[in-house]
């Protein structure tokens, strides 16, 4: 079961457990006041890690929106073999 933490503007944080991949996991209704709340992105348990690694993980937990024009323009090279699944075999 996966657990997700949400923040209600009235009641604070609450956690819901989901048993499957279906359903909206970006928003949920607060179990106390029934207000629509947004999901929080929390880092995994990092208390045993080096502080530099921990800070790096925690700073990267919010999803970043990347536009197509900001992506690198590298295109994948196609193999020159007639049968690409046999590339490298003689």
PDB file of N, CA and C in Angstrom:
ATOM      1  N   UNK A   1       0.835  -1.173   0.000  1.00  0.00           N
ATOM      2  CA  UNK A   1       0.000   0.000   0.000  1.00  0.00           C
ATOM      3  C   UNK A   1       0.884   1.243   0.000  1.00  0.00           C
ATOM      4  N   UNK A   2       0.515   2.204  -0.783  1.00  0.00           N
ATOM      5  CA  UNK A   2       1.251   3.458  -0.841  1.00  0.00           C
ATOM      6  C   UNK A   2       0.526   4.499   0.009  1.00  0.00           C
ATOM      7  N   UNK A   3       1.304   5.325   0.696  1.00  0.00           N
ATOM      8  CA  UNK A   3       0.683   6.397   1.453  1.00  0.00           C
ATOM      9  C   UNK A   3       1.074   7.736   0.852  1.00  0.00           C
ATOM     10  N   UNK A   4       0.131   8.660   0.861  1.00  0.00           N
ATOM     11  CA  UNK A   4       0.309   9.983   0.286  1.00  0.00           C
ATOM     12  C   UNK A   4      -0.092  11.013   1.329  1.00  0.00           C
ATOM     13  N   UNK A   5       0.700  12.069   1.446  1.00  0.00           N
ATOM     14  CA  UNK A   5       0.435  13.130   2.409  1.00  0.00           C
ATOM     15  C   UNK A   5      -0.154  14.330   1.684  1.00  0.00           C
ATOM     16  N   UNK A   6      -1.182  14.901   2.280  1.00  0.00           N
ATOM     17  CA  UNK A   6      -1.862  16.062   1.731  1.00  0.00           C
ATOM     18  C   UNK A   6      -1.890  17.158   2.792  1.00  0.00           C
ATOM     19  N   UNK A   7      -2.060  18.417   2.350  1.00  0.00           N
ATOM     20  CA  UNK A   7      -2.154  19.529   3.292  1.00  0.00           C
ATOM     21  C   UNK A   7      -3.484  20.244   3.112  1.00  0.00           C
ATOM     22  N   UNK A   8      -4.259  20.245   4.183  1.00  0.00           N
ATOM     23  CA  UNK A   8      -5.526  20.956   4.228  1.00  0.00           C
ATOM     24  C   UNK A   8      -5.247  22.361   4.755  1.00  0.00           C
ATOM     25  N   UNK A   9      -5.844  23.381   4.143  1.00  0.00           N
ATOM     26  CA  UNK A   9      -5.606  24.756   4.581  1.00  0.00           C
ATOM     27  C   UNK A   9      -6.220  25.019   5.956  1.00  0.00           C
ATOM     28  N   UNK A  10      -7.210  24.236   6.354  1.00  0.00           N
ATOM     29  CA  UNK A  10      -7.867  24.431   7.652  1.00  0.00           C
ATOM     30  C   UNK A  10      -7.283  23.534   8.741  1.00  0.00           C
ATOM     31  N   UNK A  11      -7.050  22.252   8.415  1.00  0.00           N
ATOM     32  CA  UNK A  11      -6.690  21.264   9.433  1.00  0.00           C
ATOM     33  C   UNK A  11      -5.205  20.893   9.455  1.00  0.00           C
ATOM     34  N   UNK A  12      -4.479  21.167   8.412  1.00  0.00           N
ATOM     35  CA  UNK A  12      -3.061  20.785   8.361  1.00  0.00           C
ATOM     36  C   UNK A  12      -2.856  19.526   7.531  1.00  0.00           C
ATOM     37  N   UNK A  13      -1.778  18.816   7.838  1.00  0.00           N
ATOM     38  CA  UNK A  13      -1.409  17.635   7.056  1.00  0.00           C
ATOM     39  C   UNK A  13      -2.204  16.402   7.466  1.00  0.00           C
ATOM     40  N   UNK A  14      -2.470  15.551   6.477  1.00  0.00           N
ATOM     41  CA  UNK A  14      -3.071  14.244   6.737  1.00  0.00           C
ATOM     42  C   UNK A  14      -2.549  13.267   5.699  1.00  0.00           C
ATOM     43  N   UNK A  15      -2.573  11.991   6.035  1.00  0.00           N
ATOM     44  CA  UNK A  15      -2.038  10.948   5.161  1.00  0.00           C
ATOM     45  C   UNK A  15      -3.146   9.972   4.805  1.00  0.00           C
ATOM     46  N   UNK A  16      -3.180   9.605   3.528  1.00  0.00           N
ATOM     47  CA  UNK A  16      -4.135   8.602   3.052  1.00  0.00           C
ATOM     48  C   UNK A  16      -3.364   7.430   2.470  1.00  0.00           C
ATOM     49  N   UNK A  17      -3.882   6.240   2.653  1.00  0.00           N
ATOM     50  CA  UNK A  17      -3.274   5.037   2.111  1.00  0.00           C
ATOM     51  C   UNK A  17      -4.111   4.554   0.936  1.00  0.00           C
ATOM     52  N   UNK A  18      -3.451   4.259  -0.164  1.00  0.00           N
ATOM     53  CA  UNK A  18      -4.131   3.783  -1.369  1.00  0.00           C
ATOM     54  C   UNK A  18      -3.689   2.361  -1.653  1.00  0.00           C
ATOM     55  N   UNK A  19      -4.626   1.559  -2.116  1.00  0.00           N
ATOM     56  CA  UNK A  19      -4.340   0.170  -2.417  1.00  0.00           C
ATOM     57  C   UNK A  19      -4.458  -0.064  -3.897  1.00  0.00           C
ATOM     58  N   UNK A  20      -3.755   0.561  -4.702  1.00  0.00           N
ATOM     59  CA  UNK A  20      -3.858   0.372  -6.127  1.00  0.00           C
ATOM     60  C   UNK A  20      -3.377   1.620  -6.842  1.00  0.00           C
ATOM     61  N   UNK A  21      -3.381   1.521  -8.143  1.00  0.00           N
ATOM     62  CA  UNK A  21      -2.841   2.609  -8.938  1.00  0.00           C
ATOM     63  C   UNK A  21      -3.928   3.555  -9.440  1.00  0.00           C
ATOM     64  N   UNK A  22      -5.174   3.252  -9.221  1.00  0.00           N
ATOM     65  CA  UNK A  22      -6.258   4.085  -9.745  1.00  0.00           C
ATOM     66  C   UNK A  22      -6.560   5.232  -8.793  1.00  0.00           C
ATOM     67  N   UNK A  23      -7.189   6.229  -9.338  1.00  0.00           N
ATOM     68  CA  UNK A  23      -7.642   7.344  -8.515  1.00  0.00           C
ATOM     69  C   UNK A  23      -6.735   8.560  -8.636  1.00  0.00           C
ATOM     70  N   UNK A  24      -7.264   9.687  -8.206  1.00  0.00           N
ATOM     71  CA  UNK A  24      -6.533  10.941  -8.247  1.00  0.00           C
ATOM     72  C   UNK A  24      -5.630  11.027  -7.028  1.00  0.00           C
ATOM     73  N   UNK A  25      -4.346  11.151  -7.253  1.00  0.00           N
ATOM     74  CA  UNK A  25      -3.409  11.224  -6.143  1.00  0.00           C
ATOM     75  C   UNK A  25      -2.808  12.614  -5.999  1.00  0.00           C
ATOM     76  N   UNK A  26      -3.303  13.577  -6.777  1.00  0.00           N
ATOM     77  CA  UNK A  26      -2.818  14.957  -6.670  1.00  0.00           C
ATOM     78  C   UNK A  26      -3.660  15.775  -5.699  1.00  0.00           C
ATOM     79  N   UNK A  27      -4.900  15.392  -5.547  1.00  0.00           N
ATOM     80  CA  UNK A  27      -5.806  16.087  -4.640  1.00  0.00           C
ATOM     81  C   UNK A  27      -6.642  15.064  -3.890  1.00  0.00           C
ATOM     82  N   UNK A  28      -7.037  15.431  -2.674  1.00  0.00           N
ATOM     83  CA  UNK A  28      -7.897  14.561  -1.879  1.00  0.00           C
ATOM     84  C   UNK A  28      -8.723  15.433  -0.949  1.00  0.00           C
ATOM     85  N   UNK A  29      -9.820  14.898  -0.482  1.00  0.00           N
ATOM     86  CA  UNK A  29     -10.659  15.621   0.455  1.00  0.00           C
ATOM     87  C   UNK A  29     -10.205  15.326   1.879  1.00  0.00           C
ATOM     88  N   UNK A  30     -10.112  16.367   2.677  1.00  0.00           N
ATOM     89  CA  UNK A  30      -9.702  16.236   4.078  1.00  0.00           C
ATOM     90  C   UNK A  30     -10.722  15.372   4.816  1.00  0.00           C
ATOM     91  N   UNK A  31     -10.273  14.392   5.597  1.00  0.00           N
ATOM     92  CA  UNK A  31     -11.225  13.530   6.309  1.00  0.00           C
ATOM     93  C   UNK A  31     -11.961  14.263   7.435  1.00  0.00           C
ATOM     94  N   UNK A  32     -11.428  15.403   7.915  1.00  0.00           N
ATOM     95  CA  UNK A  32     -12.069  16.123   9.016  1.00  0.00           C
ATOM     96  C   UNK A  32     -13.082  17.162   8.540  1.00  0.00           C
ATOM     97  N   UNK A  33     -12.681  18.016   7.562  1.00  0.00           N
ATOM     98  CA  UNK A  33     -13.560  19.123   7.151  1.00  0.00           C
ATOM     99  C   UNK A  33     -14.035  19.005   5.712  1.00  0.00           C
ATOM    100  N   UNK A  34     -13.598  17.978   4.988  1.00  0.00           N
ATOM    101  CA  UNK A  34     -14.026  17.700   3.616  1.00  0.00           C
ATOM    102  C   UNK A  34     -13.617  18.797   2.624  1.00  0.00           C
ATOM    103  N   UNK A  35     -12.488  19.487   2.892  1.00  0.00           N
ATOM    104  CA  UNK A  35     -11.953  20.509   1.989  1.00  0.00           C
ATOM    105  C   UNK A  35     -10.996  19.844   1.008  1.00  0.00           C
ATOM    106  N   UNK A  36     -11.050  20.251  -0.251  1.00  0.00           N
ATOM    107  CA  UNK A  36     -10.147  19.708  -1.257  1.00  0.00           C
ATOM    108  C   UNK A  36      -8.731  20.171  -0.947  1.00  0.00           C
ATOM    109  N   UNK A  37      -7.799  19.226  -0.827  1.00  0.00           N
ATOM    110  CA  UNK A  37      -6.428  19.521  -0.412  1.00  0.00           C
ATOM    111  C   UNK A  37      -5.446  19.016  -1.450  1.00  0.00           C
ATOM    112  N   UNK A  38      -4.306  19.689  -1.550  1.00  0.00           N
ATOM    113  CA  UNK A  38      -3.275  19.305  -2.510  1.00  0.00           C
ATOM    114  C   UNK A  38      -2.252  18.390  -1.859  1.00  0.00           C
ATOM    115  N   UNK A  39      -1.650  17.557  -2.685  1.00  0.00           N
ATOM    116  CA  UNK A  39      -0.663  16.592  -2.218  1.00  0.00           C
ATOM    117  C   UNK A  39       0.661  17.277  -1.912  1.00  0.00           C
ATOM    118  N   UNK A  40       1.326  16.807  -0.865  1.00  0.00           N
ATOM    119  CA  UNK A  40       2.672  17.249  -0.514  1.00  0.00           C
ATOM    120  C   UNK A  40       3.653  16.207  -1.017  1.00  0.00           C
ATOM    121  N   UNK A  41       4.780  16.649  -1.493  1.00  0.00           N
ATOM    122  CA  UNK A  41       5.818  15.731  -1.922  1.00  0.00           C
ATOM    123  C   UNK A  41       6.886  15.713  -0.853  1.00  0.00           C
ATOM    124  N   UNK A  42       6.938  14.635  -0.100  1.00  0.00           N
ATOM    125  CA  UNK A  42       7.875  14.514   1.014  1.00  0.00           C
ATOM    126  C   UNK A  42       9.021  13.593   0.619  1.00  0.00           C
ATOM    127  N   UNK A  43      10.211  13.901   1.125  1.00  0.00           N
ATOM    128  CA  UNK A  43      11.362  13.050   0.824  1.00  0.00           C
ATOM    129  C   UNK A  43      11.261  11.724   1.577  1.00  0.00           C
ATOM    130  N   UNK A  44      11.982  10.717   1.113  1.00  0.00           N
ATOM    131  CA  UNK A  44      12.016   9.452   1.843  1.00  0.00           C
ATOM    132  C   UNK A  44      12.786   9.637   3.148  1.00  0.00           C
ATOM    133  N   UNK A  45      12.785   8.633   3.978  1.00  0.00           N
ATOM    134  CA  UNK A  45      13.510   8.704   5.249  1.00  0.00           C
ATOM    135  C   UNK A  45      15.000   8.826   4.948  1.00  0.00           C
ATOM    136  N   UNK A  46      15.576   9.942   5.379  1.00  0.00           N
ATOM    137  CA  UNK A  46      16.970  10.220   5.028  1.00  0.00           C
ATOM    138  C   UNK A  46      17.840  10.515   6.247  1.00  0.00           C
ATOM    139  N   UNK A  47      17.404  10.160   7.439  1.00  0.00           N
ATOM    140  CA  UNK A  47      18.150  10.541   8.631  1.00  0.00           C
ATOM    141  C   UNK A  47      19.505   9.850   8.741  1.00  0.00           C
ATOM    142  N   UNK A  48      19.732   8.776   8.034  1.00  0.00           N
ATOM    143  CA  UNK A  48      21.016   8.074   8.097  1.00  0.00           C
ATOM    144  C   UNK A  48      21.994   8.509   7.006  1.00  0.00           C
ATOM    145  N   UNK A  49      21.566   9.379   6.115  1.00  0.00           N
ATOM    146  CA  UNK A  49      22.411   9.796   5.008  1.00  0.00           C
ATOM    147  C   UNK A  49      23.308  10.967   5.394  1.00  0.00           C
ATOM    148  N   UNK A  50      24.362  11.147   4.617  1.00  0.00           N
ATOM    149  CA  UNK A  50      25.219  12.313   4.747  1.00  0.00           C
ATOM    150  C   UNK A  50      24.386  13.573   4.508  1.00  0.00           C
ATOM    151  N   UNK A  51      24.686  14.657   5.201  1.00  0.00           N
ATOM    152  CA  UNK A  51      23.861  15.867   5.111  1.00  0.00           C
ATOM    153  C   UNK A  51      23.833  16.444   3.698  1.00  0.00           C
ATOM    154  N   UNK A  52      24.929  16.335   2.951  1.00  0.00           N
ATOM    155  CA  UNK A  52      24.940  16.857   1.583  1.00  0.00           C
ATOM    156  C   UNK A  52      23.994  16.061   0.689  1.00  0.00           C
ATOM    157  N   UNK A  53      24.010  14.748   0.836  1.00  0.00           N
ATOM    158  CA  UNK A  53      23.125  13.893   0.047  1.00  0.00           C
ATOM    159  C   UNK A  53      21.669  14.133   0.452  1.00  0.00           C
ATOM    160  N   UNK A  54      21.435  14.244   1.748  1.00  0.00           N
ATOM    161  CA  UNK A  54      20.081  14.486   2.251  1.00  0.00           C
ATOM    162  C   UNK A  54      19.524  15.800   1.712  1.00  0.00           C
ATOM    163  N   UNK A  55      20.302  16.861   1.746  1.00  0.00           N
ATOM    164  CA  UNK A  55      19.842  18.150   1.233  1.00  0.00           C
ATOM    165  C   UNK A  55      19.559  18.091  -0.259  1.00  0.00           C
ATOM    166  N   UNK A  56      20.383  17.357  -0.978  1.00  0.00           N
ATOM    167  CA  UNK A  56      20.184  17.213  -2.428  1.00  0.00           C
ATOM    168  C   UNK A  56      18.870  16.485  -2.719  1.00  0.00           C
ATOM    169  N   UNK A  57      18.592  15.422  -1.990  1.00  0.00           N
ATOM    170  CA  UNK A  57      17.351  14.661  -2.178  1.00  0.00           C
ATOM    171  C   UNK A  57      16.143  15.512  -1.820  1.00  0.00           C
ATOM    172  N   UNK A  58      16.201  16.186  -0.674  1.00  0.00           N
ATOM    173  CA  UNK A  58      15.057  16.966  -0.212  1.00  0.00           C
ATOM    174  C   UNK A  58      14.781  18.164  -1.106  1.00  0.00           C
ATOM    175  N   UNK A  59      15.800  18.734  -1.687  1.00  0.00           N
ATOM    176  CA  UNK A  59      15.581  19.893  -2.557  1.00  0.00           C
ATOM    177  C   UNK A  59      14.986  19.479  -3.895  1.00  0.00           C
ATOM    178  N   UNK A  60      15.100  18.222  -4.257  1.00  0.00           N
ATOM    179  CA  UNK A  60      14.597  17.762  -5.544  1.00  0.00           C
ATOM    180  C   UNK A  60      13.273  17.059  -5.483  1.00  0.00           C
ATOM    181  N   UNK A  61      12.538  17.155  -4.392  1.00  0.00           N
ATOM    182  CA  UNK A  61      11.303  16.397  -4.257  1.00  0.00           C
ATOM    183  C   UNK A  61      10.114  17.032  -4.979  1.00  0.00           C
ATOM    184  N   UNK A  62      10.093  18.334  -5.143  1.00  0.00           N
ATOM    185  CA  UNK A  62       8.993  18.960  -5.870  1.00  0.00           C
ATOM    186  C   UNK A  62       9.143  18.666  -7.349  1.00  0.00           C
ATOM    187  N   UNK A  63       8.096  18.208  -8.010  1.00  0.00           N
ATOM    188  CA  UNK A  63       8.210  17.934  -9.435  1.00  0.00           C
ATOM    189  C   UNK A  63       8.473  19.228 -10.206  1.00  0.00           C
ATOM    190  N   UNK A  64       9.305  19.145 -11.205  1.00  0.00           N
ATOM    191  CA  UNK A  64       9.634  20.302 -12.011  1.00  0.00           C
ATOM    192  C   UNK A  64       8.946  20.172 -13.366  1.00  0.00           C
ATOM    193  N   UNK A  65       8.366  21.266 -13.830  1.00  0.00           N
ATOM    194  CA  UNK A  65       7.711  21.280 -15.131  1.00  0.00           C
ATOM    195  C   UNK A  65       8.750  21.672 -16.172  1.00  0.00           C
ATOM    196  N   UNK A  66       8.922  20.833 -17.167  1.00  0.00           N
ATOM    197  CA  UNK A  66       9.898  21.079 -18.222  1.00  0.00           C
ATOM    198  C   UNK A  66       9.146  21.174 -19.540  1.00  0.00           C
ATOM    199  N   UNK A  67       9.383  22.257 -20.265  1.00  0.00           N
ATOM    200  CA  UNK A  67       8.752  22.431 -21.556  1.00  0.00           C
ATOM    201  C   UNK A  67       9.574  21.745 -22.636  1.00  0.00           C
ATOM    202  N   UNK A  68       8.922  21.396 -23.704  1.00  0.00           N
ATOM    203  CA  UNK A  68       9.588  20.693 -24.795  1.00  0.00           C
ATOM    204  C   UNK A  68      10.752  21.509 -25.351  1.00  0.00           C
ATOM    205  N   UNK A  69      10.567  22.828 -25.472  1.00  0.00           N
ATOM    206  CA  UNK A  69      11.632  23.658 -26.038  1.00  0.00           C
ATOM    207  C   UNK A  69      12.840  23.775 -25.103  1.00  0.00           C
ATOM    208  N   UNK A  70      12.669  23.450 -23.827  1.00  0.00           N
ATOM    209  CA  UNK A  70      13.784  23.485 -22.884  1.00  0.00           C
ATOM    210  C   UNK A  70      14.562  22.172 -22.840  1.00  0.00           C
ATOM    211  N   UNK A  71      14.052  21.152 -23.490  1.00  0.00           N
ATOM    212  CA  UNK A  71      14.718  19.846 -23.491  1.00  0.00           C
ATOM    213  C   UNK A  71      15.914  19.868 -24.430  1.00  0.00           C
ATOM    214  N   UNK A  72      16.939  19.062 -24.158  1.00  0.00           N
ATOM    215  CA  UNK A  72      18.085  19.000 -25.070  1.00  0.00           C
ATOM    216  C   UNK A  72      17.661  18.448 -26.427  1.00  0.00           C
ATOM    217  N   UNK A  73      18.334  18.883 -27.460  1.00  0.00           N
ATOM    218  CA  UNK A  73      17.968  18.518 -28.820  1.00  0.00           C
ATOM    219  C   UNK A  73      18.729  17.300 -29.343  1.00  0.00           C
ATOM    220  N   UNK A  74      19.246  16.477 -28.473  1.00  0.00           N
ATOM    221  CA  UNK A  74      19.967  15.280 -28.903  1.00  0.00           C
ATOM    222  C   UNK A  74      18.988  14.257 -29.455  1.00  0.00           C
ATOM    223  N   UNK A  75      19.271  13.781 -30.629  1.00  0.00           N
ATOM    224  CA  UNK A  75      18.448  12.734 -31.223  1.00  0.00           C
ATOM    225  C   UNK A  75      19.192  11.409 -31.113  1.00  0.00           C
ATOM    226  N   UNK A  76      18.450  10.353 -30.908  1.00  0.00           N
ATOM    227  CA  UNK A  76      19.059   9.031 -30.805  1.00  0.00           C
ATOM    228  C   UNK A  76      19.549   8.591 -32.172  1.00  0.00           C
ATOM    229  N   UNK A  77      20.748   8.046 -32.186  1.00  0.00           N
ATOM    230  CA  UNK A  77      21.294   7.543 -33.444  1.00  0.00           C
ATOM    231  C   UNK A  77      20.768   6.136 -33.692  1.00  0.00           C
ATOM    232  N   UNK A  78      20.395   5.887 -34.902  1.00  0.00           N
ATOM    233  CA  UNK A  78      19.922   4.558 -35.263  1.00  0.00           C
ATOM    234  C   UNK A  78      21.125   3.716 -35.658  1.00  0.00           C
ATOM    235  N   UNK A  79      21.111   2.458 -35.312  1.00  0.00           N
ATOM    236  CA  UNK A  79      22.217   1.594 -35.716  1.00  0.00           C
ATOM    237  C   UNK A  79      22.263   1.448 -37.240  1.00  0.00           C
ATOM    238  N   UNK A  80      23.457   1.278 -37.772  1.00  0.00           N
ATOM    239  CA  UNK A  80      23.637   1.151 -39.214  1.00  0.00           C
ATOM    240  C   UNK A  80      23.499  -0.291 -39.693  1.00  0.00           C
ATOM    241  N   UNK A  81      23.115  -1.185 -38.830  1.00  0.00           N
ATOM    242  CA  UNK A  81      22.971  -2.584 -39.203  1.00  0.00           C
ATOM    243  C   UNK A  81      21.630  -2.793 -39.923  1.00  0.00           C
ATOM    244  N   UNK A  82      21.604  -3.758 -40.829  1.00  0.00           N
ATOM    245  CA  UNK A  82      20.371  -4.073 -41.533  1.00  0.00           C
ATOM    246  C   UNK A  82      19.346  -4.659 -40.573  1.00  0.00           C
ATOM    247  N   UNK A  83      19.828  -5.365 -39.593  1.00  0.00           N
ATOM    248  CA  UNK A  83      18.973  -5.952 -38.568  1.00  0.00           C
ATOM    249  C   UNK A  83      19.427  -5.392 -37.214  1.00  0.00           C
ATOM    250  N   UNK A  84      18.810  -4.335 -36.686  1.00  0.00           N
ATOM    251  CA  UNK A  84      19.305  -3.662 -35.486  1.00  0.00           C
ATOM    252  C   UNK A  84      19.368  -4.568 -34.271  1.00  0.00           C
ATOM    253  N   UNK A  85      18.525  -5.573 -34.203  1.00  0.00           N
ATOM    254  CA  UNK A  85      18.574  -6.475 -33.052  1.00  0.00           C
ATOM    255  C   UNK A  85      19.813  -7.363 -33.075  1.00  0.00           C
ATOM    256  N   UNK A  86      20.498  -7.414 -34.193  1.00  0.00           N
ATOM    257  CA  UNK A  86      21.726  -8.210 -34.294  1.00  0.00           C
ATOM    258  C   UNK A  86      22.973  -7.335 -34.325  1.00  0.00           C
ATOM    259  N   UNK A  87      22.846  -6.077 -34.019  1.00  0.00           N
ATOM    260  CA  UNK A  87      24.012  -5.184 -34.051  1.00  0.00           C
ATOM    261  C   UNK A  87      25.060  -5.687 -33.063  1.00  0.00           C
ATOM    262  N   UNK A  88      26.284  -5.729 -33.506  1.00  0.00           N
ATOM    263  CA  UNK A  88      27.378  -6.180 -32.655  1.00  0.00           C
ATOM    264  C   UNK A  88      27.683  -7.651 -32.797  1.00  0.00           C
ATOM    265  N   UNK A  89      26.865  -8.382 -33.534  1.00  0.00           N
ATOM    266  CA  UNK A  89      27.115  -9.802 -33.731  1.00  0.00           C
ATOM    267  C   UNK A  89      27.706 -10.002 -35.135  1.00  0.00           C
ATOM    268  N   UNK A  90      28.654 -10.870 -35.217  1.00  0.00           N
ATOM    269  CA  UNK A  90      29.270 -11.129 -36.535  1.00  0.00           C
ATOM    270  C   UNK A  90      28.736 -12.398 -37.149  1.00  0.00           C
TER     271      UNK A  90
END
